[in-house]
Structure formats: C-alpha cells, structure tokens
Amino acid sequence: MPDLATLLPMLALLLVTGALAGLVAGLLGVGGGIVLVPAYFYIFVGLGHDGPGLMQVCLATSLATIIVTSARSVMSHNRKGAVDWQILRHWAPGIAVGALVGVLVVAQLRTQALQAIFGLLALTVSLYMALGRDQWRLGPQMPGLAVRAPLSGAVGFLSVLMGIGGGSFGVPLMTLYNVPIHRAVATAAGFGITIALPSAAAFLLVPVEGAPPYTVGAVNMPAFALTIAMTLITAPMGAALAHRMDPRPLKRVFAVFLAAVALNMLRKALGY
C-alpha cells in the first residue's frame, strides 16, 4: 500500500484534473477525455508510475469516467428533446463493435505505441477544431448502411484508441452530414455511452503490468472516483459560461493547446 507522501499528491492532482476536464467539456463541448488521458499520463509518470502499460490505464480510466458523464449529458439533452434517437439506434451497434475491437488492440500495445497513436489522432482533432468550417458537408443526410457500418465502427475504434467519448469524432461526422450542431452534440453524448460502457467493462479484465495503486484491470479507481466527483461539479459551470460567451475563439485556443499536447506525446513516443 502506498504511503501518504505518494497518495496525497496523486489525489490532489486528480481533483484538479477532474475539475479542468469538466470545465473544458462544458465550455467547449469536446468531452473531457481528450484532457484526461494526457493529464493522467503526466500525473502518474510524475509520481513514478511509468510502467509499460501506463497508457492502457489512462485510456481505460478515462473511458470509465465517460460512462457517468455521458449518461448525465444524454438525460439533460433528452429533457430538451435534442437527442436524435433514430441516429443513435442505427449507429450504436457498429460503434460498440468498433469500441470492443479497440480494446483488443489497446490490450496488445504498450505505452510508446499508444502515445504515438494518441498524438496523431489528437493532432488531427486539433486541426479540425482550428480549421474546420460550419458549412463543410459530405452529404445532405446521415448515410445508409453501406457507409454507416464502416464509419460507426471507426468512430468506436478510434475513440477507444484515444480514451474519449463521442464528441471529438461524432459531432464533426454528424455535422458533415447536415445534422444541426445542437442535435449532433446531444446525440454524440449517446455515442459516448455506447463507446465507454462496453470498453470500460472489457478493460476491467485487462491485466496491466506496473499499474498505479488501486487499479482494477486497467481502470484506476481513485482517478475514476475523483474525476467523476469534480466533473459533475464543474461541467455545468462550463456550460453556463458557454451560454454567456462565444466559445469559437476559445475552441481555437484549445486547438493550439491540444496540438502542443499531441506533439509532446509524439516526441515522447519517438524517445526524445
């Protein structure tokens, strides 16, 4: 069992991380996972838990938190009638299958490879956030089965490789197919549950070498509990701020921050 000198700094840093992730998720609508994964990584490395499976723990723990935050978000959006249940029903099976395939892949990879993957995908997300345009379209409506099957699987698979919910890939995908942004954000919260629930459950069965204290499978329980406690407090604060200000300039600032995090992950993956 770790001593207080190790445990207390970890708890304090996790509280701050959860608060920041909730604020960013509420303010920018990007989901907290994209903040949590690198934050967990730097916290655990700083506390000396730099095992070969550390990124597995970061991804799995982030996904576990998304179960709670996405469920709360879906309920809130549904009260306003914003969730498109038809899209969710059609896309959920493929997303869930893709997520489980993602778990199988993550379980076979080690930290260096997962850092590289996270860095490349996060850099892609940051570029879309910075350069994407509201008028971009791939089609006038959501695609049929022939296109939906591979796209839904890709959303689940890529999201697990980054430890994130449905926002970063689901919202751009739906808006590119002409779904209004408020409906896309609401429905993507449902994507988050579809990604996180099966993948987090599967990660509980994945043993991790050199995991931080109190980790079950690949899910770190203190990080999970403290993150949930703080995001439930700060996400509504971020959402309230978003209604008082234009979040678009902040999204571009966050895109620059995310690009810096992604490049740093790539640097570490390359051994520099």
C-alpha atoms as a PDB file:
ATOM      1  CA  MET A   1       0.000   0.000   0.000  1.00  0.00           C
ATOM      2  CA  PRO A   2       1.435   3.441  -0.938  1.00  0.00           C
ATOM      3  CA  ASP A   3       2.292   5.897   1.826  1.00  0.00           C
ATOM      4  CA  LEU A   4       0.601   9.260   2.306  1.00  0.00           C
ATOM      5  CA  ALA A   5       3.533  11.101   0.726  1.00  0.00           C
ATOM      6  CA  THR A   6       2.699   9.309  -2.540  1.00  0.00           C
ATOM      7  CA  LEU A   7      -1.074   9.129  -2.229  1.00  0.00           C
ATOM      8  CA  LEU A   8      -1.906  12.740  -1.247  1.00  0.00           C
ATOM      9  CA  PRO A   9      -0.178  14.435  -4.234  1.00  0.00           C
ATOM     10  CA  MET A  10      -1.904  11.963  -6.558  1.00  0.00           C
ATOM     11  CA  LEU A  11      -5.315  12.725  -5.048  1.00  0.00           C
ATOM     12  CA  ALA A  12      -4.769  16.494  -5.227  1.00  0.00           C
ATOM     13  CA  LEU A  13      -3.640  16.400  -8.851  1.00  0.00           C
ATOM     14  CA  LEU A  14      -6.553  14.163  -9.825  1.00  0.00           C
ATOM     15  CA  LEU A  15      -9.033  16.592  -8.249  1.00  0.00           C
ATOM     16  CA  VAL A  16      -7.559  19.472 -10.271  1.00  0.00           C
ATOM     17  CA  THR A  17      -7.569  17.359 -13.433  1.00  0.00           C
ATOM     18  CA  GLY A  18     -11.212  16.379 -12.982  1.00  0.00           C
ATOM     19  CA  ALA A  19     -12.210  19.992 -12.394  1.00  0.00           C
ATOM     20  CA  LEU A  20     -10.384  21.178 -15.522  1.00  0.00           C
ATOM     21  CA  ALA A  21     -11.772  18.367 -17.678  1.00  0.00           C
ATOM     22  CA  GLY A  22     -15.332  19.136 -16.599  1.00  0.00           C
ATOM     23  CA  LEU A  23     -14.893  22.857 -17.253  1.00  0.00           C
ATOM     24  CA  VAL A  24     -13.456  22.287 -20.732  1.00  0.00           C
ATOM     25  CA  ALA A  25     -16.150  19.726 -21.580  1.00  0.00           C
ATOM     26  CA  GLY A  26     -18.954  22.048 -20.527  1.00  0.00           C
ATOM     27  CA  LEU A  27     -17.464  25.147 -22.125  1.00  0.00           C
ATOM     28  CA  LEU A  28     -16.275  23.747 -25.455  1.00  0.00           C
ATOM     29  CA  GLY A  29     -18.400  20.610 -25.866  1.00  0.00           C
ATOM     30  CA  VAL A  30     -15.367  18.487 -26.784  1.00  0.00           C
ATOM     31  CA  GLY A  31     -15.639  15.936 -23.970  1.00  0.00           C
ATOM     32  CA  GLY A  32     -13.291  15.648 -21.036  1.00  0.00           C
ATOM     33  CA  GLY A  33     -11.481  12.523 -22.213  1.00  0.00           C
ATOM     34  CA  ILE A  34      -9.222  14.462 -24.532  1.00  0.00           C
ATOM     35  CA  VAL A  35      -7.948  16.346 -21.465  1.00  0.00           C
ATOM     36  CA  LEU A  36      -7.984  13.416 -19.044  1.00  0.00           C
ATOM     37  CA  VAL A  37      -5.756  10.985 -20.947  1.00  0.00           C
ATOM     38  CA  PRO A  38      -2.644  13.210 -21.192  1.00  0.00           C
ATOM     39  CA  ALA A  39      -3.297  14.589 -17.706  1.00  0.00           C
ATOM     40  CA  TYR A  40      -3.481  11.110 -16.182  1.00  0.00           C
ATOM     41  CA  PHE A  41      -0.303  10.169 -18.026  1.00  0.00           C
ATOM     42  CA  TYR A  42       1.725  13.127 -16.733  1.00  0.00           C
ATOM     43  CA  ILE A  43       0.369  12.741 -13.193  1.00  0.00           C
ATOM     44  CA  PHE A  44       1.228   9.057 -12.948  1.00  0.00           C
ATOM     45  CA  VAL A  45       4.643   9.494 -14.583  1.00  0.00           C
ATOM     46  CA  GLY A  46       5.405  12.360 -12.199  1.00  0.00           C
ATOM     47  CA  LEU A  47       4.553  10.114  -9.265  1.00  0.00           C
ATOM     48  CA  GLY A  48       6.868   7.363 -10.531  1.00  0.00           C
ATOM     49  CA  HIS A  49       4.319   5.015 -12.131  1.00  0.00           C
ATOM     50  CA  ASP A  50       5.874   4.769 -15.572  1.00  0.00           C
ATOM     51  CA  GLY A  51       5.216   1.126 -16.402  1.00  0.00           C
ATOM     52  CA  PRO A  52       4.878  -0.297 -19.929  1.00  0.00           C
ATOM     53  CA  GLY A  53       1.077  -0.426 -19.584  1.00  0.00           C
ATOM     54  CA  LEU A  54       0.543   3.098 -18.249  1.00  0.00           C
ATOM     55  CA  MET A  55      -1.248   4.386 -21.354  1.00  0.00           C
ATOM     56  CA  GLN A  56      -3.656   1.447 -21.103  1.00  0.00           C
ATOM     57  CA  VAL A  57      -4.576   2.660 -17.601  1.00  0.00           C
ATOM     58  CA  CYS A  58      -5.006   6.248 -18.815  1.00  0.00           C
ATOM     59  CA  LEU A  59      -7.274   5.246 -21.700  1.00  0.00           C
ATOM     60  CA  ALA A  60      -9.350   2.791 -19.659  1.00  0.00           C
ATOM     61  CA  THR A  61      -9.846   5.142 -16.716  1.00  0.00           C
ATOM     62  CA  SER A  62     -10.872   7.991 -18.982  1.00  0.00           C
ATOM     63  CA  LEU A  63     -13.434   5.747 -20.702  1.00  0.00           C
ATOM     64  CA  ALA A  64     -14.833   4.637 -17.333  1.00  0.00           C
ATOM     65  CA  THR A  65     -15.498   8.273 -16.374  1.00  0.00           C
ATOM     66  CA  ILE A  66     -17.266   8.844 -19.693  1.00  0.00           C
ATOM     67  CA  ILE A  67     -19.983   6.326 -18.767  1.00  0.00           C
ATOM     68  CA  VAL A  68     -21.187   8.625 -15.982  1.00  0.00           C
ATOM     69  CA  THR A  69     -20.645  11.981 -17.669  1.00  0.00           C
ATOM     70  CA  SER A  70     -22.245  10.893 -20.972  1.00  0.00           C
ATOM     71  CA  ALA A  71     -25.262   9.369 -19.222  1.00  0.00           C
ATOM     72  CA  ARG A  72     -25.817  12.616 -17.339  1.00  0.00           C
ATOM     73  CA  SER A  73     -25.405  14.598 -20.559  1.00  0.00           C
ATOM     74  CA  VAL A  74     -27.862  12.407 -22.500  1.00  0.00           C
ATOM     75  CA  MET A  75     -30.513  12.812 -19.798  1.00  0.00           C
ATOM     76  CA  SER A  76     -30.044  16.575 -19.793  1.00  0.00           C
ATOM     77  CA  HIS A  77     -30.208  16.877 -23.600  1.00  0.00           C
ATOM     78  CA  ASN A  78     -33.157  14.491 -23.810  1.00  0.00           C
ATOM     79  CA  ARG A  79     -35.218  16.699 -21.491  1.00  0.00           C
ATOM     80  CA  LYS A  80     -34.812  19.390 -24.163  1.00  0.00           C
ATOM     81  CA  GLY A  81     -35.730  16.967 -26.958  1.00  0.00           C
ATOM     82  CA  ALA A  82     -32.317  17.327 -28.597  1.00  0.00           C
ATOM     83  CA  VAL A  83     -31.214  13.659 -28.810  1.00  0.00           C
ATOM     84  CA  ASP A  84     -31.845  12.034 -32.202  1.00  0.00           C
ATOM     85  CA  TRP A  85     -32.723   8.522 -31.060  1.00  0.00           C
ATOM     86  CA  GLN A  86     -33.085   7.222 -34.607  1.00  0.00           C
ATOM     87  CA  ILE A  87     -29.432   8.079 -35.391  1.00  0.00           C
ATOM     88  CA  LEU A  88     -28.355   6.630 -32.048  1.00  0.00           C
ATOM     89  CA  ARG A  89     -30.221   3.332 -32.582  1.00  0.00           C
ATOM     90  CA  HIS A  90     -28.803   2.885 -36.081  1.00  0.00           C
ATOM     91  CA  TRP A  91     -25.218   3.796 -35.188  1.00  0.00           C
ATOM     92  CA  ALA A  92     -24.873   2.244 -31.700  1.00  0.00           C
ATOM     93  CA  PRO A  93     -24.245  -1.405 -32.754  1.00  0.00           C
ATOM     94  CA  GLY A  94     -21.361  -0.536 -35.072  1.00  0.00           C
ATOM     95  CA  ILE A  95     -19.876   1.891 -32.558  1.00  0.00           C
ATOM     96  CA  ALA A  96     -19.984  -0.736 -29.794  1.00  0.00           C
ATOM     97  CA  VAL A  97     -18.321  -3.361 -32.002  1.00  0.00           C
ATOM     98  CA  GLY A  98     -15.627  -0.890 -33.027  1.00  0.00           C
ATOM     99  CA  ALA A  99     -15.040   0.006 -29.369  1.00  0.00           C
ATOM    100  CA  LEU A 100     -14.535  -3.629 -28.373  1.00  0.00           C
ATOM    101  CA  VAL A 101     -12.109  -4.165 -31.248  1.00  0.00           C
ATOM    102  CA  GLY A 102     -10.301  -1.079 -29.967  1.00  0.00           C
ATOM    103  CA  VAL A 103      -9.937  -2.677 -26.524  1.00  0.00           C
ATOM    104  CA  LEU A 104      -8.417  -5.797 -28.093  1.00  0.00           C
ATOM    105  CA  VAL A 105      -5.884  -3.660 -29.951  1.00  0.00           C
ATOM    106  CA  VAL A 106      -5.032  -1.465 -26.936  1.00  0.00           C
ATOM    107  CA  ALA A 107      -4.507  -4.581 -24.785  1.00  0.00           C
ATOM    108  CA  GLN A 108      -1.771  -5.719 -27.169  1.00  0.00           C
ATOM    109  CA  LEU A 109       0.080  -2.389 -27.356  1.00  0.00           C
ATOM    110  CA  ARG A 110       2.403  -0.691 -24.906  1.00  0.00           C
ATOM    111  CA  THR A 111       2.757   2.892 -23.828  1.00  0.00           C
ATOM    112  CA  GLN A 112       5.108   4.052 -26.594  1.00  0.00           C
ATOM    113  CA  ALA A 113       2.840   2.853 -29.411  1.00  0.00           C
ATOM    114  CA  LEU A 114      -0.300   4.192 -27.708  1.00  0.00           C
ATOM    115  CA  GLN A 115       1.376   7.574 -27.180  1.00  0.00           C
ATOM    116  CA  ALA A 116       2.119   7.775 -30.895  1.00  0.00           C
ATOM    117  CA  ILE A 117      -1.458   6.861 -31.813  1.00  0.00           C
ATOM    118  CA  PHE A 118      -2.927   9.339 -29.333  1.00  0.00           C
ATOM    119  CA  GLY A 119      -0.591  12.063 -30.574  1.00  0.00           C
ATOM    120  CA  LEU A 120      -1.508  11.562 -34.233  1.00  0.00           C
ATOM    121  CA  LEU A 121      -5.260  11.408 -33.586  1.00  0.00           C
ATOM    122  CA  ALA A 122      -5.208  14.364 -31.175  1.00  0.00           C
ATOM    123  CA  LEU A 123      -3.284  16.402 -33.742  1.00  0.00           C
ATOM    124  CA  THR A 124      -5.963  15.579 -36.326  1.00  0.00           C
ATOM    125  CA  VAL A 125      -8.740  16.641 -33.927  1.00  0.00           C
ATOM    126  CA  SER A 126      -6.923  19.887 -33.101  1.00  0.00           C
ATOM    127  CA  LEU A 127      -6.505  20.752 -36.795  1.00  0.00           C
ATOM    128  CA  TYR A 128     -10.224  20.186 -37.416  1.00  0.00           C
ATOM    129  CA  MET A 129     -11.111  22.329 -34.387  1.00  0.00           C
ATOM    130  CA  ALA A 130      -8.871  25.137 -35.628  1.00  0.00           C
ATOM    131  CA  LEU A 131      -9.577  24.990 -39.362  1.00  0.00           C
ATOM    132  CA  GLY A 132     -12.993  23.309 -39.726  1.00  0.00           C
ATOM    133  CA  ARG A 133     -15.845  25.322 -41.213  1.00  0.00           C
ATOM    134  CA  ASP A 134     -19.543  25.137 -40.328  1.00  0.00           C
ATOM    135  CA  GLN A 135     -20.544  24.936 -43.993  1.00  0.00           C
ATOM    136  CA  TRP A 136     -18.481  21.828 -44.810  1.00  0.00           C
ATOM    137  CA  ARG A 137     -20.693  18.898 -45.891  1.00  0.00           C
ATOM    138  CA  LEU A 138     -20.224  15.291 -47.024  1.00  0.00           C
ATOM    139  CA  GLY A 139     -23.908  14.754 -47.727  1.00  0.00           C
ATOM    140  CA  PRO A 140     -27.420  16.130 -47.121  1.00  0.00           C
ATOM    141  CA  GLN A 141     -28.339  13.450 -44.538  1.00  0.00           C
ATOM    142  CA  MET A 142     -26.813  10.660 -42.455  1.00  0.00           C
ATOM    143  CA  PRO A 143     -25.619   7.803 -44.712  1.00  0.00           C
ATOM    144  CA  GLY A 144     -27.244   4.412 -45.171  1.00  0.00           C
ATOM    145  CA  LEU A 145     -25.984   1.029 -44.030  1.00  0.00           C
ATOM    146  CA  ALA A 146     -23.200   0.602 -46.615  1.00  0.00           C
ATOM    147  CA  VAL A 147     -21.409   3.734 -45.383  1.00  0.00           C
ATOM    148  CA  ARG A 148     -22.744   3.675 -41.812  1.00  0.00           C
ATOM    149  CA  ALA A 149     -21.256   0.267 -40.983  1.00  0.00           C
ATOM    150  CA  PRO A 150     -17.580   1.196 -41.528  1.00  0.00           C
ATOM    151  CA  LEU A 151     -17.994   4.745 -40.226  1.00  0.00           C
ATOM    152  CA  SER A 152     -19.714   3.679 -36.991  1.00  0.00           C
ATOM    153  CA  GLY A 153     -17.045   1.045 -36.363  1.00  0.00           C
ATOM    154  CA  ALA A 154     -14.336   3.633 -36.993  1.00  0.00           C
ATOM    155  CA  VAL A 155     -15.899   6.067 -34.507  1.00  0.00           C
ATOM    156  CA  GLY A 156     -15.895   3.432 -31.755  1.00  0.00           C
ATOM    157  CA  PHE A 157     -12.447   2.087 -32.618  1.00  0.00           C
ATOM    158  CA  LEU A 158     -10.662   5.456 -32.860  1.00  0.00           C
ATOM    159  CA  SER A 159     -12.378   6.779 -29.745  1.00  0.00           C
ATOM    160  CA  VAL A 160     -11.082   3.867 -27.647  1.00  0.00           C
ATOM    161  CA  LEU A 161      -7.566   4.380 -29.027  1.00  0.00           C
ATOM    162  CA  MET A 162      -7.793   7.938 -27.633  1.00  0.00           C
ATOM    163  CA  GLY A 163      -9.787   7.130 -24.489  1.00  0.00           C
ATOM    164  CA  ILE A 164     -12.538   9.586 -25.436  1.00  0.00           C
ATOM    165  CA  GLY A 165     -16.314   9.599 -25.864  1.00  0.00           C
ATOM    166  CA  GLY A 166     -18.416  10.516 -28.859  1.00  0.00           C
ATOM    167  CA  GLY A 167     -17.820  14.250 -29.174  1.00  0.00           C
ATOM    168  CA  SER A 168     -14.484  14.587 -30.944  1.00  0.00           C
ATOM    169  CA  PHE A 169     -15.384  12.275 -33.845  1.00  0.00           C
ATOM    170  CA  GLY A 170     -19.173  12.005 -33.617  1.00  0.00           C
ATOM    171  CA  VAL A 171     -20.047  15.710 -33.672  1.00  0.00           C
ATOM    172  CA  PRO A 172     -17.936  16.567 -36.756  1.00  0.00           C
ATOM    173  CA  LEU A 173     -19.223  13.452 -38.528  1.00  0.00           C
ATOM    174  CA  MET A 174     -22.874  14.310 -37.928  1.00  0.00           C
ATOM    175  CA  THR A 175     -22.495  17.988 -38.846  1.00  0.00           C
ATOM    176  CA  LEU A 176     -20.719  16.984 -42.058  1.00  0.00           C
ATOM    177  CA  TYR A 177     -23.901  15.043 -42.849  1.00  0.00           C
ATOM    178  CA  ASN A 178     -26.097  18.075 -42.199  1.00  0.00           C
ATOM    179  CA  VAL A 179     -27.243  17.295 -38.634  1.00  0.00           C
ATOM    180  CA  PRO A 180     -27.759  20.587 -36.733  1.00  0.00           C
ATOM    181  CA  ILE A 181     -24.957  21.214 -34.257  1.00  0.00           C
ATOM    182  CA  HIS A 182     -27.122  21.173 -31.102  1.00  0.00           C
ATOM    183  CA  ARG A 183     -28.642  17.834 -32.148  1.00  0.00           C
ATOM    184  CA  ALA A 184     -25.214  16.451 -33.056  1.00  0.00           C
ATOM    185  CA  VAL A 185     -23.765  17.381 -29.652  1.00  0.00           C
ATOM    186  CA  ALA A 186     -26.736  15.818 -27.831  1.00  0.00           C
ATOM    187  CA  THR A 187     -26.660  12.616 -29.884  1.00  0.00           C
ATOM    188  CA  ALA A 188     -22.878  12.306 -29.582  1.00  0.00           C
ATOM    189  CA  ALA A 189     -23.332  12.054 -25.813  1.00  0.00           C
ATOM    190  CA  GLY A 190     -25.228   8.844 -26.551  1.00  0.00           C
ATOM    191  CA  PHE A 191     -22.322   7.730 -28.732  1.00  0.00           C
ATOM    192  CA  GLY A 192     -20.161   8.257 -25.637  1.00  0.00           C
ATOM    193  CA  ILE A 193     -22.124   5.732 -23.572  1.00  0.00           C
ATOM    194  CA  THR A 194     -22.049   3.250 -26.462  1.00  0.00           C
ATOM    195  CA  ILE A 195     -18.263   3.594 -26.654  1.00  0.00           C
ATOM    196  CA  ALA A 196     -17.456   3.750 -22.953  1.00  0.00           C
ATOM    197  CA  LEU A 197     -19.730   1.124 -21.388  1.00  0.00           C
ATOM    198  CA  PRO A 198     -18.536  -1.979 -23.284  1.00  0.00           C
ATOM    199  CA  SER A 199     -14.920  -0.815 -23.493  1.00  0.00           C
ATOM    200  CA  ALA A 200     -14.572   0.096 -19.797  1.00  0.00           C
ATOM    201  CA  ALA A 201     -16.169  -3.223 -18.800  1.00  0.00           C
ATOM    202  CA  ALA A 202     -13.710  -5.070 -21.043  1.00  0.00           C
ATOM    203  CA  PHE A 203     -10.771  -3.081 -19.658  1.00  0.00           C
ATOM    204  CA  LEU A 204     -11.611  -4.344 -16.161  1.00  0.00           C
ATOM    205  CA  LEU A 205     -10.460  -7.753 -17.425  1.00  0.00           C
ATOM    206  CA  VAL A 206      -7.172  -6.497 -18.915  1.00  0.00           C
ATOM    207  CA  PRO A 207      -4.192  -7.035 -16.574  1.00  0.00           C
ATOM    208  CA  VAL A 208      -1.643  -4.206 -16.623  1.00  0.00           C
ATOM    209  CA  GLU A 209       1.994  -4.576 -15.652  1.00  0.00           C
ATOM    210  CA  GLY A 210       3.260  -1.914 -13.221  1.00  0.00           C
ATOM    211  CA  ALA A 211      -0.125  -0.185 -12.862  1.00  0.00           C
ATOM    212  CA  PRO A 212      -0.577   2.671 -10.324  1.00  0.00           C
ATOM    213  CA  PRO A 213      -2.025   1.796  -6.880  1.00  0.00           C
ATOM    214  CA  TYR A 214      -5.690   0.708  -6.637  1.00  0.00           C
ATOM    215  CA  THR A 215      -6.026  -0.211 -10.309  1.00  0.00           C
ATOM    216  CA  VAL A 216      -8.586  -2.907 -11.179  1.00  0.00           C
ATOM    217  CA  GLY A 217      -7.751  -4.425 -14.534  1.00  0.00           C
ATOM    218  CA  ALA A 218      -6.750  -1.281 -16.407  1.00  0.00           C
ATOM    219  CA  VAL A 219      -9.080   1.147 -14.553  1.00  0.00           C
ATOM    220  CA  ASN A 220      -7.548   3.230 -11.758  1.00  0.00           C
ATOM    221  CA  MET A 221     -10.259   3.573  -9.135  1.00  0.00           C
ATOM    222  CA  PRO A 222      -9.073   6.749  -7.300  1.00  0.00           C
ATOM    223  CA  ALA A 223      -8.697   8.565 -10.627  1.00  0.00           C
ATOM    224  CA  PHE A 224     -12.147   7.386 -11.725  1.00  0.00           C
ATOM    225  CA  ALA A 225     -13.905   8.423  -8.495  1.00  0.00           C
ATOM    226  CA  LEU A 226     -12.213  11.808  -8.092  1.00  0.00           C
ATOM    227  CA  THR A 227     -12.654  12.736 -11.742  1.00  0.00           C
ATOM    228  CA  ILE A 228     -16.370  11.963 -11.619  1.00  0.00           C
ATOM    229  CA  ALA A 229     -16.795  13.962  -8.404  1.00  0.00           C
ATOM    230  CA  MET A 230     -15.168  17.047  -9.911  1.00  0.00           C
ATOM    231  CA  THR A 231     -16.581  16.895 -13.451  1.00  0.00           C
ATOM    232  CA  LEU A 232     -20.129  16.683 -12.131  1.00  0.00           C
ATOM    233  CA  ILE A 233     -19.464  19.969 -10.341  1.00  0.00           C
ATOM    234  CA  THR A 234     -17.528  21.886 -12.999  1.00  0.00           C
ATOM    235  CA  ALA A 235     -19.170  20.726 -16.270  1.00  0.00           C
ATOM    236  CA  PRO A 236     -22.387  22.696 -15.537  1.00  0.00           C
ATOM    237  CA  MET A 237     -20.206  25.730 -14.750  1.00  0.00           C
ATOM    238  CA  GLY A 238     -18.526  25.408 -18.137  1.00  0.00           C
ATOM    239  CA  ALA A 239     -21.878  25.012 -19.878  1.00  0.00           C
ATOM    240  CA  ALA A 240     -23.190  28.142 -18.126  1.00  0.00           C
ATOM    241  CA  LEU A 241     -20.120  30.089 -19.271  1.00  0.00           C
ATOM    242  CA  ALA A 242     -20.636  28.855 -22.828  1.00  0.00           C
ATOM    243  CA  HIS A 243     -24.101  30.448 -22.882  1.00  0.00           C
ATOM    244  CA  ARG A 244     -22.632  33.820 -21.860  1.00  0.00           C
ATOM    245  CA  MET A 245     -19.796  33.959 -24.372  1.00  0.00           C
ATOM    246  CA  ASP A 246     -18.805  32.923 -27.883  1.00  0.00           C
ATOM    247  CA  PRO A 247     -16.893  29.626 -27.483  1.00  0.00           C
ATOM    248  CA  ARG A 248     -15.450  29.658 -31.014  1.00  0.00           C
ATOM    249  CA  PRO A 249     -12.319  31.726 -30.224  1.00  0.00           C
ATOM    250  CA  LEU A 250     -11.765  29.552 -27.153  1.00  0.00           C
ATOM    251  CA  LYS A 251     -12.009  26.437 -29.310  1.00  0.00           C
ATOM    252  CA  ARG A 252      -9.173  27.746 -31.474  1.00  0.00           C
ATOM    253  CA  VAL A 253      -7.065  28.470 -28.394  1.00  0.00           C
ATOM    254  CA  PHE A 254      -7.818  24.979 -27.088  1.00  0.00           C
ATOM    255  CA  ALA A 255      -6.912  23.559 -30.511  1.00  0.00           C
ATOM    256  CA  VAL A 256      -3.438  25.121 -30.177  1.00  0.00           C
ATOM    257  CA  PHE A 257      -3.102  23.688 -26.652  1.00  0.00           C
ATOM    258  CA  LEU A 258      -4.244  20.256 -27.851  1.00  0.00           C
ATOM    259  CA  ALA A 259      -1.791  20.362 -30.762  1.00  0.00           C
ATOM    260  CA  ALA A 260       1.035  21.120 -28.305  1.00  0.00           C
ATOM    261  CA  VAL A 261      -0.016  18.172 -26.111  1.00  0.00           C
ATOM    262  CA  ALA A 262      -0.232  15.917 -29.179  1.00  0.00           C
ATOM    263  CA  LEU A 263       3.220  16.935 -30.413  1.00  0.00           C
ATOM    264  CA  ASN A 264       4.674  16.342 -26.950  1.00  0.00           C
ATOM    265  CA  MET A 265       3.120  12.852 -26.897  1.00  0.00           C
ATOM    266  CA  LEU A 266       4.673  12.169 -30.300  1.00  0.00           C
ATOM    267  CA  ARG A 267       8.030  13.439 -29.051  1.00  0.00           C
ATOM    268  CA  LYS A 268       7.915  11.047 -26.094  1.00  0.00           C
ATOM    269  CA  ALA A 269       6.832   8.182 -28.337  1.00  0.00           C
ATOM    270  CA  LEU A 270       9.886   8.798 -30.511  1.00  0.00           C
ATOM    271  CA  GLY A 271      12.137   8.748 -27.441  1.00  0.00           C
ATOM    272  CA  TYR A 272      13.109  12.423 -27.350  1.00  0.00           C
END
